[in-house]
Amino acid sequence: MEKISKEYKLKKTRIFTKDQELASQIYDYFGKKLKFGFIMSKIHTKGYQFMYEIFNEIKHSKPRNRAALFLWKIGQTKIIFDDNVRQTN
């Protein structure tokens, strides 16, 4: 009975939204070099679509240091949101 309970122990997940799902993919892809909270804050400030595009661009390229290039691309791009279009809670 003990053996079965250990095998089927459920793992707690931290994914509740699509933003958290993307952050989890980025976090796992870079070998947990970037903090999960840092990635979530960048998704919130830069936007989901922007982060998704940058992440896919890095995945399909072959740089020496992918995490450094990812951070550099995020820092180089300035995002300006129109207050009438984006509503904050």
Protein backbone atom coordinates (compact mmCIF):
# COMPACT_ATOMS: atom_id res chain seq x y z
CA MET A 1 0.00 0.00 0.00
CA GLU A 2 2.83 2.43 0.76
CA LYS A 3 4.50 1.81 -2.58
CA ILE A 4 1.37 2.73 -4.54
CA SER A 5 0.78 5.96 -2.63
CA LYS A 6 4.34 7.16 -3.31
CA GLU A 7 4.05 6.50 -7.04
CA TYR A 8 0.76 8.36 -7.49
CA LYS A 9 1.55 11.35 -5.32
CA LEU A 10 0.26 14.43 -7.12
CA LYS A 11 2.59 17.33 -7.73
CA LYS A 12 1.35 20.83 -6.89
CA THR A 13 1.36 23.09 -9.91
CA ARG A 14 1.91 26.82 -9.96
CA ILE A 15 0.09 27.44 -13.24
CA PHE A 16 -3.26 29.20 -13.10
CA THR A 17 -3.17 31.66 -16.01
CA LYS A 18 -1.64 31.81 -19.48
CA ASP A 19 0.95 34.30 -18.17
CA GLN A 20 2.08 31.79 -15.56
CA GLU A 21 2.17 29.04 -18.18
CA LEU A 22 4.48 31.11 -20.39
CA ALA A 23 6.64 32.03 -17.39
CA SER A 24 6.89 28.36 -16.47
CA GLN A 25 7.98 27.44 -20.01
CA ILE A 26 10.63 30.18 -20.02
CA TYR A 27 11.77 29.21 -16.51
CA ASP A 28 12.20 25.54 -17.46
CA TYR A 29 13.74 26.28 -20.87
CA PHE A 30 16.59 28.35 -19.46
CA GLY A 31 17.39 25.73 -16.84
CA LYS A 32 15.98 27.80 -13.97
CA LYS A 33 18.68 30.48 -14.40
CA LEU A 34 16.07 33.24 -14.41
CA LYS A 35 13.78 33.66 -11.40
CA PHE A 36 10.10 32.83 -11.90
CA GLY A 37 9.00 36.11 -10.27
CA PHE A 38 11.31 38.11 -12.52
CA ILE A 39 9.83 36.49 -15.62
CA MET A 40 6.27 37.12 -14.37
CA SER A 41 7.05 40.81 -13.75
CA LYS A 42 8.44 41.18 -17.28
CA ILE A 43 5.36 39.50 -18.76
CA HIS A 44 3.19 41.92 -16.81
CA THR A 45 5.15 45.05 -17.80
CA LYS A 46 6.09 44.18 -21.39
CA GLY A 47 3.02 42.16 -22.33
CA TYR A 48 2.28 38.52 -23.05
CA GLN A 49 2.55 38.74 -26.85
CA PHE A 50 5.91 40.52 -26.78
CA MET A 51 7.45 38.01 -24.36
CA TYR A 52 6.04 35.08 -26.34
CA GLU A 53 7.57 36.40 -29.59
CA ILE A 54 10.98 37.02 -28.01
CA PHE A 55 10.96 33.60 -26.37
CA ASN A 56 10.14 31.84 -29.66
CA GLU A 57 12.79 33.85 -31.46
CA ILE A 58 15.41 32.73 -28.92
CA LYS A 59 14.23 29.10 -29.06
CA HIS A 60 14.73 28.93 -32.83
CA SER A 61 18.14 30.64 -32.84
CA LYS A 62 21.44 29.06 -31.80
CA PRO A 63 23.31 31.66 -29.68
CA ARG A 64 26.04 30.69 -27.22
CA ASN A 65 24.23 32.11 -24.20
CA ARG A 66 20.47 32.04 -24.73
CA ALA A 67 19.53 33.50 -21.34
CA ALA A 68 21.80 36.52 -21.86
CA LEU A 69 20.40 37.16 -25.33
CA PHE A 70 16.86 36.85 -24.00
CA LEU A 71 17.54 39.44 -21.28
CA TRP A 72 19.30 41.74 -23.74
CA LYS A 73 16.38 41.65 -26.22
CA ILE A 74 13.90 42.39 -23.44
CA GLY A 75 15.96 45.36 -22.25
CA GLN A 76 16.49 46.82 -25.72
CA THR A 77 12.82 47.08 -26.63
CA LYS A 78 10.70 49.87 -25.19
CA ILE A 79 6.98 49.20 -24.98
CA ILE A 80 4.57 52.13 -24.79
CA PHE A 81 0.97 51.28 -24.00
CA ASP A 82 -1.89 53.56 -24.94
CA ASP A 83 -3.87 54.26 -21.76
CA ASN A 84 -7.15 54.15 -23.67
CA VAL A 85 -6.48 50.65 -25.00
CA ARG A 86 -4.95 48.93 -21.98
CA GLN A 87 -7.03 48.80 -18.84
CA THR A 88 -5.42 47.96 -15.52
CA ASN A 89 -7.20 46.48 -12.54
